[in-house]
Structure formats: C-alpha cells, structure tokens
Amino acid sequence: MRILHTMLRVGDLEKSVAFYTEVLGMTLLRRKDYPEGRFTNVFVGYGNEADHAVLELTWNWDTSSYDLGSGYGHIAIEVHDVYLACEQIRQAGGKIVREAGPMKHGTRVLAFVEDPDGYRIELLSALA
C-alpha cells in the first residue's frame, strides 16, 4: 500500500496549476475534463504517479472559492535549502507566510508558503 495523491479543491484552476508548476516546480502530469459532472481534475507532482505521491487539483466549474476548514493542516515538501527555496518562491511571485528558520521547540529548518487558494505548503530541510 502507498499514498497515491492528496486532493485539493481549487477556485481558479489555471492560477493553481501555474502556482504548483511555475512557483513550486512540479510537473503537470495529466488533466481530464468531466463535462457531465462539470469539473476538471489535474494531477501535478515531482515524479510520475507510478512511483510518487502527487496532488490532484479539482476544479468544480460552478464554484470559485472554498472555506479551507479547521481540520486541514498542510502539504509538506522536502527541499535541499529552505532559505534558498523561499527566495526562489518569492522571486516567482509566491507568498511566504512563515519565513525560513528553525522550528519552534526544535532545530529542523522549515518555512510555509501559501497557494492561490490559501492552502499552506510546508518547506522542510532534509532530515539530518
């Protein structure tokens, strides 16, 4: 068994695809429209779906925004250098909501960025 994907409902599909591919460097893996259901699914990730967990971005054609909900936490992405990743994300137009630095009550370096819908993505340094 393995994790296949995490699904996020997004309000503006093109803006979200641009964020995950251009700002976070993921690859657009596949896209399918479901006209009878009035929604589109897009899968993005850092590798093919056979070997990597990916994100499913679901755009319901008649919905432009969602409440995030208090149960949602974040998506975590491991990066080589959190400080450098923050700078690259900022230069690409991304919104850093917690600057790079040691975690509270620990030493692992992390930061948080927000996607166009307000979902948080944690950037983590590799485990030492």
N, C-alpha and C. Protein backbone atom coordinates (compact mmCIF):
# COMPACT_ATOMS: atom_id res chain seq x y z
N MET A 1 0.83 -1.19 0.00
CA MET A 1 0.00 0.00 0.00
C MET A 1 0.88 1.24 0.00
N ARG A 2 0.34 2.32 -0.59
CA ARG A 2 1.05 3.59 -0.59
C ARG A 2 0.06 4.73 -0.79
N ILE A 3 0.47 5.92 -0.47
CA ILE A 3 -0.35 7.10 -0.72
C ILE A 3 -0.27 7.42 -2.20
N LEU A 4 -1.42 7.59 -2.85
CA LEU A 4 -1.45 7.91 -4.27
C LEU A 4 -1.44 9.41 -4.52
N HIS A 5 -2.37 10.12 -3.86
CA HIS A 5 -2.44 11.56 -4.08
C HIS A 5 -3.19 12.23 -2.93
N THR A 6 -3.06 13.54 -2.86
CA THR A 6 -3.86 14.39 -1.99
C THR A 6 -4.68 15.29 -2.91
N MET A 7 -5.98 15.42 -2.63
CA MET A 7 -6.86 16.23 -3.47
C MET A 7 -7.15 17.56 -2.80
N LEU A 8 -7.03 18.64 -3.58
CA LEU A 8 -7.41 19.97 -3.14
C LEU A 8 -8.44 20.51 -4.12
N ARG A 9 -9.51 21.10 -3.58
CA ARG A 9 -10.48 21.79 -4.44
C ARG A 9 -9.97 23.22 -4.63
N VAL A 10 -9.92 23.67 -5.87
CA VAL A 10 -9.37 24.99 -6.18
C VAL A 10 -10.41 25.86 -6.87
N GLY A 11 -10.30 27.17 -6.66
CA GLY A 11 -11.26 28.11 -7.23
C GLY A 11 -10.90 28.60 -8.61
N ASP A 12 -9.62 28.64 -8.94
CA ASP A 12 -9.15 29.09 -10.25
C ASP A 12 -8.09 28.10 -10.71
N LEU A 13 -8.49 27.18 -11.56
CA LEU A 13 -7.62 26.08 -11.95
C LEU A 13 -6.33 26.55 -12.60
N GLU A 14 -6.42 27.48 -13.54
CA GLU A 14 -5.21 27.92 -14.24
C GLU A 14 -4.23 28.60 -13.29
N LYS A 15 -4.74 29.40 -12.37
CA LYS A 15 -3.88 30.06 -11.38
C LYS A 15 -3.21 29.03 -10.48
N SER A 16 -3.96 28.01 -10.08
CA SER A 16 -3.40 26.96 -9.22
C SER A 16 -2.37 26.12 -9.96
N VAL A 17 -2.65 25.74 -11.19
CA VAL A 17 -1.68 24.97 -11.98
C VAL A 17 -0.40 25.78 -12.16
N ALA A 18 -0.53 27.07 -12.45
CA ALA A 18 0.65 27.93 -12.59
C ALA A 18 1.45 27.98 -11.29
N PHE A 19 0.78 28.09 -10.16
CA PHE A 19 1.48 28.13 -8.88
C PHE A 19 2.27 26.84 -8.64
N TYR A 20 1.61 25.70 -8.77
CA TYR A 20 2.28 24.44 -8.46
C TYR A 20 3.36 24.08 -9.47
N THR A 21 3.21 24.49 -10.72
CA THR A 21 4.23 24.16 -11.72
C THR A 21 5.31 25.23 -11.82
N GLU A 22 4.93 26.50 -11.86
CA GLU A 22 5.92 27.58 -12.06
C GLU A 22 6.57 28.05 -10.77
N VAL A 23 5.83 28.08 -9.67
CA VAL A 23 6.39 28.56 -8.41
C VAL A 23 7.02 27.42 -7.61
N LEU A 24 6.33 26.27 -7.53
CA LEU A 24 6.88 25.15 -6.76
C LEU A 24 7.60 24.12 -7.61
N GLY A 25 7.60 24.27 -8.92
CA GLY A 25 8.40 23.41 -9.78
C GLY A 25 7.87 22.01 -10.04
N MET A 26 6.59 21.78 -9.79
CA MET A 26 6.01 20.48 -10.09
C MET A 26 5.76 20.36 -11.59
N THR A 27 5.47 19.15 -12.04
CA THR A 27 5.17 18.87 -13.43
C THR A 27 3.68 18.59 -13.57
N LEU A 28 3.07 19.13 -14.61
CA LEU A 28 1.68 18.80 -14.93
C LEU A 28 1.69 17.38 -15.50
N LEU A 29 1.05 16.45 -14.81
CA LEU A 29 1.08 15.04 -15.19
C LEU A 29 -0.09 14.65 -16.09
N ARG A 30 -1.28 15.12 -15.74
CA ARG A 30 -2.44 14.82 -16.58
C ARG A 30 -3.60 15.73 -16.19
N ARG A 31 -4.52 15.86 -17.14
CA ARG A 31 -5.68 16.72 -16.96
C ARG A 31 -6.86 16.07 -17.66
N LYS A 32 -8.02 16.06 -17.00
CA LYS A 32 -9.22 15.49 -17.62
C LYS A 32 -10.44 16.31 -17.22
N ASP A 33 -11.20 16.71 -18.23
CA ASP A 33 -12.47 17.40 -18.02
C ASP A 33 -13.59 16.37 -17.93
N TYR A 34 -14.55 16.63 -17.04
CA TYR A 34 -15.73 15.79 -16.89
C TYR A 34 -16.96 16.69 -17.10
N PRO A 35 -17.32 16.94 -18.38
CA PRO A 35 -18.41 17.87 -18.67
C PRO A 35 -19.74 17.49 -18.02
N GLU A 36 -20.04 16.19 -17.97
CA GLU A 36 -21.30 15.79 -17.36
C GLU A 36 -21.34 16.09 -15.86
N GLY A 37 -20.19 16.08 -15.22
CA GLY A 37 -20.12 16.40 -13.79
C GLY A 37 -19.73 17.84 -13.52
N ARG A 38 -19.37 18.58 -14.58
CA ARG A 38 -18.97 19.98 -14.50
C ARG A 38 -17.77 20.19 -13.58
N PHE A 39 -16.74 19.34 -13.79
CA PHE A 39 -15.50 19.51 -13.04
C PHE A 39 -14.32 19.05 -13.88
N THR A 40 -13.12 19.49 -13.45
CA THR A 40 -11.87 19.11 -14.10
C THR A 40 -10.91 18.63 -13.03
N ASN A 41 -10.19 17.55 -13.31
CA ASN A 41 -9.12 17.06 -12.43
C ASN A 41 -7.78 17.27 -13.12
N VAL A 42 -6.83 17.83 -12.38
CA VAL A 42 -5.47 17.99 -12.86
C VAL A 42 -4.55 17.36 -11.81
N PHE A 43 -3.58 16.58 -12.27
CA PHE A 43 -2.62 15.96 -11.37
C PHE A 43 -1.26 16.57 -11.61
N VAL A 44 -0.59 17.00 -10.53
CA VAL A 44 0.74 17.58 -10.59
C VAL A 44 1.62 16.89 -9.57
N GLY A 45 2.94 16.91 -9.81
CA GLY A 45 3.84 16.30 -8.85
C GLY A 45 5.29 16.42 -9.27
N TYR A 46 6.15 15.82 -8.47
CA TYR A 46 7.60 15.85 -8.71
C TYR A 46 8.10 14.59 -9.40
N GLY A 47 7.20 13.69 -9.72
CA GLY A 47 7.58 12.47 -10.42
C GLY A 47 6.33 11.77 -10.91
N ASN A 48 6.51 10.69 -11.65
CA ASN A 48 5.35 10.00 -12.22
C ASN A 48 4.51 9.36 -11.12
N GLU A 49 3.24 9.17 -11.44
CA GLU A 49 2.29 8.65 -10.45
C GLU A 49 2.57 7.20 -10.05
N ALA A 50 3.29 6.46 -10.86
CA ALA A 50 3.61 5.08 -10.52
C ALA A 50 4.58 5.00 -9.34
N ASP A 51 5.40 6.04 -9.17
CA ASP A 51 6.44 6.00 -8.14
C ASP A 51 6.34 7.08 -7.07
N HIS A 52 5.48 8.08 -7.28
CA HIS A 52 5.43 9.22 -6.36
C HIS A 52 3.99 9.56 -5.98
N ALA A 53 3.80 10.04 -4.77
CA ALA A 53 2.52 10.63 -4.39
C ALA A 53 2.42 11.97 -5.10
N VAL A 54 1.22 12.34 -5.54
CA VAL A 54 1.01 13.57 -6.31
C VAL A 54 -0.16 14.36 -5.72
N LEU A 55 -0.39 15.55 -6.28
CA LEU A 55 -1.54 16.37 -5.90
C LEU A 55 -2.58 16.30 -7.00
N GLU A 56 -3.82 16.13 -6.59
CA GLU A 56 -4.96 16.23 -7.50
C GLU A 56 -5.62 17.57 -7.23
N LEU A 57 -5.66 18.43 -8.23
CA LEU A 57 -6.35 19.71 -8.13
C LEU A 57 -7.70 19.54 -8.80
N THR A 58 -8.77 19.71 -8.04
CA THR A 58 -10.12 19.54 -8.57
C THR A 58 -10.79 20.90 -8.68
N TRP A 59 -11.23 21.23 -9.89
CA TRP A 59 -11.93 22.47 -10.13
C TRP A 59 -13.37 22.16 -10.50
N ASN A 60 -14.29 22.52 -9.60
CA ASN A 60 -15.72 22.40 -9.87
C ASN A 60 -16.13 23.67 -10.60
N TRP A 61 -16.59 23.53 -11.83
CA TRP A 61 -16.79 24.66 -12.74
C TRP A 61 -17.69 25.75 -12.17
N ASP A 62 -18.59 25.40 -11.29
CA ASP A 62 -19.56 26.38 -10.78
C ASP A 62 -19.19 26.94 -9.41
N THR A 63 -17.97 26.66 -8.94
CA THR A 63 -17.55 27.13 -7.61
C THR A 63 -16.24 27.88 -7.74
N SER A 64 -16.21 29.12 -7.25
CA SER A 64 -15.00 29.94 -7.40
C SER A 64 -14.16 30.03 -6.14
N SER A 65 -14.66 29.54 -4.99
CA SER A 65 -13.84 29.56 -3.77
C SER A 65 -14.41 28.58 -2.75
N TYR A 66 -13.58 28.22 -1.78
CA TYR A 66 -13.94 27.27 -0.75
C TYR A 66 -13.47 27.77 0.60
N ASP A 67 -14.15 27.36 1.66
CA ASP A 67 -13.64 27.55 3.02
C ASP A 67 -12.60 26.47 3.22
N LEU A 68 -11.45 26.83 3.81
CA LEU A 68 -10.38 25.86 3.99
C LEU A 68 -10.71 24.81 5.05
N GLY A 69 -11.44 25.18 6.07
CA GLY A 69 -11.78 24.23 7.12
C GLY A 69 -10.71 24.18 8.19
N SER A 70 -11.12 23.97 9.41
CA SER A 70 -10.17 23.98 10.52
C SER A 70 -9.40 22.67 10.66
N GLY A 71 -9.83 21.62 9.97
CA GLY A 71 -9.14 20.34 10.07
C GLY A 71 -7.96 20.20 9.11
N TYR A 72 -7.90 21.07 8.11
CA TYR A 72 -6.81 20.98 7.14
C TYR A 72 -5.53 21.48 7.77
N GLY A 73 -4.44 20.79 7.54
CA GLY A 73 -3.14 21.22 8.04
C GLY A 73 -2.31 21.82 6.93
N HIS A 74 -1.54 21.00 6.24
CA HIS A 74 -0.68 21.49 5.17
C HIS A 74 -0.14 20.32 4.36
N ILE A 75 0.46 20.65 3.24
CA ILE A 75 1.22 19.72 2.42
C ILE A 75 2.68 19.99 2.77
N ALA A 76 3.50 18.96 2.88
CA ALA A 76 4.92 19.14 3.18
C ALA A 76 5.77 18.72 1.98
N ILE A 77 6.75 19.57 1.66
CA ILE A 77 7.69 19.30 0.57
C ILE A 77 9.10 19.42 1.11
N GLU A 78 9.91 18.40 0.88
CA GLU A 78 11.31 18.46 1.30
C GLU A 78 12.12 19.21 0.24
N VAL A 79 12.95 20.13 0.70
CA VAL A 79 13.83 20.89 -0.18
C VAL A 79 15.26 20.81 0.37
N HIS A 80 16.22 21.01 -0.50
CA HIS A 80 17.62 20.94 -0.08
C HIS A 80 17.98 22.10 0.84
N ASP A 81 17.54 23.31 0.49
CA ASP A 81 17.88 24.52 1.25
C ASP A 81 16.61 25.35 1.38
N VAL A 82 16.04 25.40 2.58
CA VAL A 82 14.78 26.10 2.81
C VAL A 82 14.92 27.60 2.54
N TYR A 83 16.03 28.18 2.95
CA TYR A 83 16.26 29.61 2.74
C TYR A 83 16.28 29.94 1.24
N LEU A 84 17.01 29.15 0.48
CA LEU A 84 17.09 29.36 -0.97
C LEU A 84 15.73 29.12 -1.62
N ALA A 85 15.03 28.08 -1.19
CA ALA A 85 13.70 27.78 -1.75
C ALA A 85 12.75 28.95 -1.52
N CYS A 86 12.80 29.55 -0.35
CA CYS A 86 11.93 30.71 -0.06
C CYS A 86 12.26 31.86 -1.00
N GLU A 87 13.53 32.10 -1.21
CA GLU A 87 13.92 33.20 -2.09
C GLU A 87 13.45 32.93 -3.53
N GLN A 88 13.60 31.70 -3.99
CA GLN A 88 13.17 31.36 -5.35
C GLN A 88 11.65 31.47 -5.48
N ILE A 89 10.92 31.03 -4.47
CA ILE A 89 9.46 31.11 -4.48
C ILE A 89 9.02 32.57 -4.47
N ARG A 90 9.65 33.38 -3.66
CA ARG A 90 9.33 34.81 -3.59
C ARG A 90 9.57 35.47 -4.95
N GLN A 91 10.71 35.16 -5.58
CA GLN A 91 11.03 35.73 -6.90
C GLN A 91 10.03 35.30 -7.97
N ALA A 92 9.44 34.12 -7.80
CA ALA A 92 8.47 33.61 -8.76
C ALA A 92 7.06 34.12 -8.46
N GLY A 93 6.92 34.96 -7.44
CA GLY A 93 5.63 35.53 -7.11
C GLY A 93 4.86 34.81 -6.03
N GLY A 94 5.50 33.83 -5.39
CA GLY A 94 4.84 33.09 -4.31
C GLY A 94 4.78 33.89 -3.02
N LYS A 95 3.85 33.53 -2.16
CA LYS A 95 3.62 34.22 -0.89
C LYS A 95 4.18 33.38 0.27
N ILE A 96 5.25 33.86 0.89
CA ILE A 96 5.83 33.20 2.06
C ILE A 96 5.06 33.69 3.28
N VAL A 97 4.49 32.77 4.06
CA VAL A 97 3.72 33.18 5.23
C VAL A 97 4.44 32.87 6.55
N ARG A 98 5.51 32.13 6.48
CA ARG A 98 6.40 31.90 7.63
C ARG A 98 7.79 31.78 7.05
N GLU A 99 8.64 32.74 7.37
CA GLU A 99 9.99 32.76 6.83
C GLU A 99 10.79 31.54 7.30
N ALA A 100 11.81 31.19 6.52
CA ALA A 100 12.67 30.06 6.85
C ALA A 100 13.36 30.28 8.19
N GLY A 101 13.43 29.23 8.96
CA GLY A 101 14.11 29.27 10.25
C GLY A 101 13.84 27.99 11.02
N PRO A 102 14.52 27.84 12.15
CA PRO A 102 14.32 26.63 12.95
C PRO A 102 12.89 26.53 13.46
N MET A 103 12.39 25.30 13.53
CA MET A 103 11.05 25.10 14.04
C MET A 103 11.00 25.43 15.53
N LYS A 104 9.84 25.83 15.98
CA LYS A 104 9.65 26.12 17.40
C LYS A 104 9.86 24.82 18.17
N HIS A 105 10.63 24.88 19.22
CA HIS A 105 10.92 23.72 20.07
C HIS A 105 11.74 22.66 19.35
N GLY A 106 12.52 23.04 18.34
CA GLY A 106 13.33 22.09 17.61
C GLY A 106 14.39 22.79 16.79
N THR A 107 15.10 22.02 15.98
CA THR A 107 16.19 22.60 15.18
C THR A 107 15.99 22.44 13.67
N ARG A 108 15.04 21.62 13.25
CA ARG A 108 14.83 21.42 11.82
C ARG A 108 14.35 22.73 11.18
N VAL A 109 14.94 23.09 10.06
CA VAL A 109 14.60 24.33 9.38
C VAL A 109 13.35 24.12 8.52
N LEU A 110 12.42 25.08 8.61
CA LEU A 110 11.19 24.99 7.83
C LEU A 110 10.70 26.39 7.47
N ALA A 111 9.73 26.43 6.58
CA ALA A 111 9.05 27.66 6.19
C ALA A 111 7.68 27.25 5.67
N PHE A 112 6.80 28.24 5.50
CA PHE A 112 5.48 27.97 4.92
C PHE A 112 5.21 28.96 3.80
N VAL A 113 4.61 28.45 2.72
CA VAL A 113 4.16 29.26 1.59
C VAL A 113 2.68 28.97 1.41
N GLU A 114 1.95 29.92 0.83
CA GLU A 114 0.53 29.75 0.61
C GLU A 114 0.23 29.72 -0.88
N ASP A 115 -0.65 28.80 -1.29
CA ASP A 115 -1.04 28.75 -2.70
C ASP A 115 -2.16 29.76 -2.97
N PRO A 116 -2.60 29.91 -4.22
CA PRO A 116 -3.61 30.92 -4.54
C PRO A 116 -4.94 30.77 -3.79
N ASP A 117 -5.25 29.57 -3.33
CA ASP A 117 -6.49 29.35 -2.59
C ASP A 117 -6.31 29.45 -1.08
N GLY A 118 -5.08 29.70 -0.63
CA GLY A 118 -4.83 29.82 0.81
C GLY A 118 -4.36 28.53 1.47
N TYR A 119 -4.15 27.46 0.70
CA TYR A 119 -3.63 26.24 1.27
C TYR A 119 -2.17 26.44 1.63
N ARG A 120 -1.76 25.92 2.77
CA ARG A 120 -0.37 26.08 3.20
C ARG A 120 0.47 24.89 2.78
N ILE A 121 1.69 25.21 2.36
CA ILE A 121 2.67 24.21 1.97
C ILE A 121 3.89 24.44 2.84
N GLU A 122 4.28 23.40 3.57
CA GLU A 122 5.46 23.48 4.44
C GLU A 122 6.69 23.07 3.63
N LEU A 123 7.74 23.85 3.73
CA LEU A 123 9.03 23.52 3.13
C LEU A 123 9.92 23.05 4.27
N LEU A 124 10.47 21.86 4.13
CA LEU A 124 11.30 21.27 5.19
C LEU A 124 12.69 20.93 4.67
N SER A 125 13.67 21.16 5.52
CA SER A 125 15.01 20.69 5.18
C SER A 125 15.05 19.17 5.33
N ALA A 126 15.97 18.55 4.64
CA ALA A 126 16.13 17.10 4.75
C ALA A 126 16.50 16.74 6.18
N LEU A 127 16.05 15.56 6.60
CA LEU A 127 16.41 15.09 7.94
C LEU A 127 17.91 14.85 8.00
N ALA A 128 18.50 15.29 9.08
CA ALA A 128 19.95 15.12 9.24
C ALA A 128 20.28 13.76 9.77
